[in-house]
Every structure is written in structure tokens, then in C-alpha cells.
Amino acid sequence: MVYKAMEAVQALNRKSIYPRLLNLHTVKPLDTEAVITAAKETGAILTVEEHSIYGGLGSAVAETIAQNYPVPMKIMGFNDRFGETGGYEEVLAKMGLTIEEIVLNAERLIKKKSER
């Protein structure tokens, strides 16, 4: 998912939006210091993972943010449903994990952040 996130960052850059990309490759141990720093520097957090949104990286980041530096947040991943079969890109598209969806969710978070 890091590659798709990098592509989304480039798409946002073309719109003069400059997000920060943080590659958190493990849930345990979670780099809580990096997560809190990112929240402070950006004012919003969007997690993207090819995993369930429950009990995964997004949940761990949400717990860290809620307890240390609450900011608007969105977790992108597999919703509470059974996985599907198909090619990698096909499954990601079914789960809403495309570059376009990442960009759209980032833009929504920016709007939400500005409404605070």
C-alpha cells in the first residue's frame, strides 16, 4: 500500500496539496512518537492498509491519536466484511483502496480540518 500512498501523494502535490507520508511497517511496536509528531505537524491523519480497519494499524494509530493529540482521522482498509477473491488490484478496487479514493479521502480530511 505504500506505493499507492506515494502515488496519491504525487497526485495531491499536483493539486498543490503537500501531505506527509509516514511508512509504519509494524503495528507492534508502533512508532507512537512518529504518529504524534505527524498529527502535530499536519493536523489530520489518514491511514491506508490492506487489512481490516478493526484491530489493525489504523486502530492502533487512532488509539494513539485519541490519547495524545486528537485530530481529524480516517482509516482506510477492508471494512467489516468477508474478503473477496480476485487479482490484487481488483480486490483493492472493490475495497475502495485506489489512488483516487486515497486522494478523495485526503481532500475530505483537509476540509474537515479546516472546519474545526
C-alpha atoms as a PDB file:
ATOM      1  CA  MET A   1       0.000   0.000   0.000  1.00  0.00           C
ATOM      2  CA  VAL A   2       2.953   2.331   0.432  1.00  0.00           C
ATOM      3  CA  TYR A   3       3.359   2.550  -3.344  1.00  0.00           C
ATOM      4  CA  LYS A   4      -0.306   3.520  -3.797  1.00  0.00           C
ATOM      5  CA  ALA A   5       0.032   6.042  -0.977  1.00  0.00           C
ATOM      6  CA  MET A   6       3.101   7.512  -2.692  1.00  0.00           C
ATOM      7  CA  GLU A   7       1.155   7.785  -5.951  1.00  0.00           C
ATOM      8  CA  ALA A   8      -1.677   9.518  -4.061  1.00  0.00           C
ATOM      9  CA  VAL A   9       0.811  11.964  -2.533  1.00  0.00           C
ATOM     10  CA  GLN A  10       2.083  12.796  -6.019  1.00  0.00           C
ATOM     11  CA  ALA A  11      -1.493  13.331  -7.233  1.00  0.00           C
ATOM     12  CA  LEU A  12      -2.147  15.643  -4.274  1.00  0.00           C
ATOM     13  CA  ASN A  13       1.102  17.509  -4.965  1.00  0.00           C
ATOM     14  CA  ARG A  14      -0.183  18.242  -8.475  1.00  0.00           C
ATOM     15  CA  LYS A  15      -3.141  19.946  -6.747  1.00  0.00           C
ATOM     16  CA  SER A  16      -0.753  21.990  -4.576  1.00  0.00           C
ATOM     17  CA  ILE A  17      -1.520  19.834  -1.542  1.00  0.00           C
ATOM     18  CA  TYR A  18       1.569  18.561   0.249  1.00  0.00           C
ATOM     19  CA  PRO A  19       0.772  15.760   2.714  1.00  0.00           C
ATOM     20  CA  ARG A  20       3.288  13.905   4.798  1.00  0.00           C
ATOM     21  CA  LEU A  21       3.723  10.178   4.151  1.00  0.00           C
ATOM     22  CA  LEU A  22       4.721   8.045   7.113  1.00  0.00           C
ATOM     23  CA  ASN A  23       5.523   4.374   6.459  1.00  0.00           C
ATOM     24  CA  LEU A  24       4.566   2.400   9.560  1.00  0.00           C
ATOM     25  CA  HIS A  25       5.583  -1.135   8.696  1.00  0.00           C
ATOM     26  CA  THR A  26       4.670  -2.688  12.056  1.00  0.00           C
ATOM     27  CA  VAL A  27       1.764  -2.348  14.464  1.00  0.00           C
ATOM     28  CA  LYS A  28       3.827  -3.682  17.360  1.00  0.00           C
ATOM     29  CA  PRO A  29       5.880  -1.907  18.263  1.00  0.00           C
ATOM     30  CA  LEU A  30       4.071   1.137  16.917  1.00  0.00           C
ATOM     31  CA  ASP A  31       6.231   4.207  16.472  1.00  0.00           C
ATOM     32  CA  THR A  32       3.949   6.350  18.635  1.00  0.00           C
ATOM     33  CA  GLU A  33       6.386   9.256  18.665  1.00  0.00           C
ATOM     34  CA  ALA A  34       6.304   9.450  14.849  1.00  0.00           C
ATOM     35  CA  VAL A  35       2.490   9.219  14.832  1.00  0.00           C
ATOM     36  CA  ILE A  36       2.084  12.005  17.400  1.00  0.00           C
ATOM     37  CA  THR A  37       4.623  14.184  15.587  1.00  0.00           C
ATOM     38  CA  ALA A  38       2.758  13.662  12.299  1.00  0.00           C
ATOM     39  CA  ALA A  39      -0.531  14.627  13.961  1.00  0.00           C
ATOM     40  CA  LYS A  40       1.004  17.792  15.382  1.00  0.00           C
ATOM     41  CA  GLU A  41       2.645  18.773  12.091  1.00  0.00           C
ATOM     42  CA  THR A  42      -0.290  18.012   9.781  1.00  0.00           C
ATOM     43  CA  GLY A  43      -3.428  18.396  11.897  1.00  0.00           C
ATOM     44  CA  ALA A  44      -5.078  15.292  10.388  1.00  0.00           C
ATOM     45  CA  ILE A  45      -4.284  11.604   9.924  1.00  0.00           C
ATOM     46  CA  LEU A  46      -5.277   9.230   7.125  1.00  0.00           C
ATOM     47  CA  THR A  47      -4.234   5.594   7.431  1.00  0.00           C
ATOM     48  CA  VAL A  48      -4.312   3.225   4.463  1.00  0.00           C
ATOM     49  CA  GLU A  49      -3.863  -0.520   4.869  1.00  0.00           C
ATOM     50  CA  GLU A  50      -4.725  -3.716   3.051  1.00  0.00           C
ATOM     51  CA  HIS A  51      -6.174  -5.161   6.225  1.00  0.00           C
ATOM     52  CA  SER A  52      -9.325  -4.955   8.301  1.00  0.00           C
ATOM     53  CA  ILE A  53      -9.991  -1.499   9.696  1.00  0.00           C
ATOM     54  CA  TYR A  54     -10.665  -3.206  13.034  1.00  0.00           C
ATOM     55  CA  GLY A  55      -7.646  -4.297  15.048  1.00  0.00           C
ATOM     56  CA  GLY A  56      -5.079  -3.206  12.507  1.00  0.00           C
ATOM     57  CA  LEU A  57      -2.706  -0.321  12.020  1.00  0.00           C
ATOM     58  CA  GLY A  58      -5.488   2.255  11.731  1.00  0.00           C
ATOM     59  CA  SER A  59      -6.933   1.196  15.081  1.00  0.00           C
ATOM     60  CA  ALA A  60      -3.543   1.422  16.780  1.00  0.00           C
ATOM     61  CA  VAL A  61      -2.924   4.865  15.283  1.00  0.00           C
ATOM     62  CA  ALA A  62      -6.429   6.002  16.306  1.00  0.00           C
ATOM     63  CA  GLU A  63      -5.813   4.937  19.908  1.00  0.00           C
ATOM     64  CA  THR A  64      -2.516   6.810  19.960  1.00  0.00           C
ATOM     65  CA  ILE A  65      -4.044   9.944  18.442  1.00  0.00           C
ATOM     66  CA  ALA A  66      -7.117   9.903  20.701  1.00  0.00           C
ATOM     67  CA  GLN A  67      -4.999   9.673  23.834  1.00  0.00           C
ATOM     68  CA  ASN A  68      -2.225  12.073  22.888  1.00  0.00           C
ATOM     69  CA  TYR A  69      -3.151  14.612  20.221  1.00  0.00           C
ATOM     70  CA  PRO A  70      -6.700  14.325  18.838  1.00  0.00           C
ATOM     71  CA  VAL A  71      -7.029  15.424  15.203  1.00  0.00           C
ATOM     72  CA  PRO A  72      -9.486  14.517  12.420  1.00  0.00           C
ATOM     73  CA  MET A  73      -8.738  10.992  11.246  1.00  0.00           C
ATOM     74  CA  LYS A  74      -9.879   8.466   8.644  1.00  0.00           C
ATOM     75  CA  ILE A  75      -8.966   4.786   8.480  1.00  0.00           C
ATOM     76  CA  MET A  76      -8.972   3.261   5.001  1.00  0.00           C
ATOM     77  CA  GLY A  77      -8.890  -0.513   4.733  1.00  0.00           C
ATOM     78  CA  PHE A  78     -11.156  -3.515   4.492  1.00  0.00           C
ATOM     79  CA  ASN A  79     -14.466  -2.738   6.175  1.00  0.00           C
ATOM     80  CA  ASP A  80     -16.152  -5.266   8.431  1.00  0.00           C
ATOM     81  CA  ARG A  81     -16.878  -7.827   5.723  1.00  0.00           C
ATOM     82  CA  PHE A  82     -15.551 -11.026   4.273  1.00  0.00           C
ATOM     83  CA  GLY A  83     -12.642 -10.703   1.899  1.00  0.00           C
ATOM     84  CA  GLU A  84     -13.158 -11.224  -1.797  1.00  0.00           C
ATOM     85  CA  THR A  85     -11.288 -13.219  -4.372  1.00  0.00           C
ATOM     86  CA  GLY A  86      -9.637 -11.776  -7.430  1.00  0.00           C
ATOM     87  CA  GLY A  87      -6.444 -10.181  -8.567  1.00  0.00           C
ATOM     88  CA  TYR A  88      -4.637  -7.845  -6.201  1.00  0.00           C
ATOM     89  CA  GLU A  89      -5.677  -4.614  -7.951  1.00  0.00           C
ATOM     90  CA  GLU A  90      -9.233  -5.888  -8.406  1.00  0.00           C
ATOM     91  CA  VAL A  91      -9.641  -6.671  -4.700  1.00  0.00           C
ATOM     92  CA  LEU A  92      -8.151  -3.316  -3.681  1.00  0.00           C
ATOM     93  CA  ALA A  93     -10.578  -1.536  -6.020  1.00  0.00           C
ATOM     94  CA  LYS A  94     -13.544  -3.449  -4.533  1.00  0.00           C
ATOM     95  CA  MET A  95     -12.398  -2.363  -1.076  1.00  0.00           C
ATOM     96  CA  GLY A  96     -12.017   1.289  -2.097  1.00  0.00           C
ATOM     97  CA  LEU A  97      -8.239   1.278  -1.844  1.00  0.00           C
ATOM     98  CA  THR A  98      -7.379   3.029  -5.092  1.00  0.00           C
ATOM     99  CA  ILE A  99      -5.182   6.058  -5.604  1.00  0.00           C
ATOM    100  CA  GLU A 100      -8.291   8.065  -6.454  1.00  0.00           C
ATOM    101  CA  GLU A 101     -10.045   7.045  -3.227  1.00  0.00           C
ATOM    102  CA  ILE A 102      -6.972   7.853  -1.158  1.00  0.00           C
ATOM    103  CA  VAL A 103      -6.820  11.315  -2.749  1.00  0.00           C
ATOM    104  CA  LEU A 104     -10.559  11.853  -2.201  1.00  0.00           C
ATOM    105  CA  ASN A 105     -10.319  10.861   1.470  1.00  0.00           C
ATOM    106  CA  ALA A 106      -7.290  13.101   1.980  1.00  0.00           C
ATOM    107  CA  GLU A 107      -9.175  16.042   0.479  1.00  0.00           C
ATOM    108  CA  ARG A 108     -12.167  15.336   2.734  1.00  0.00           C
ATOM    109  CA  LEU A 109      -9.882  15.290   5.771  1.00  0.00           C
ATOM    110  CA  ILE A 110      -8.344  18.609   4.768  1.00  0.00           C
ATOM    111  CA  LYS A 111     -11.829  20.112   4.516  1.00  0.00           C
ATOM    112  CA  LYS A 112     -12.806  18.633   7.887  1.00  0.00           C
ATOM    113  CA  LYS A 113      -9.610  20.002   9.433  1.00  0.00           C
ATOM    114  CA  SER A 114     -10.338  23.494   8.124  1.00  0.00           C
ATOM    115  CA  GLU A 115     -13.863  23.379   9.591  1.00  0.00           C
ATOM    116  CA  ARG A 116     -12.546  22.903  13.138  1.00  0.00           C
END
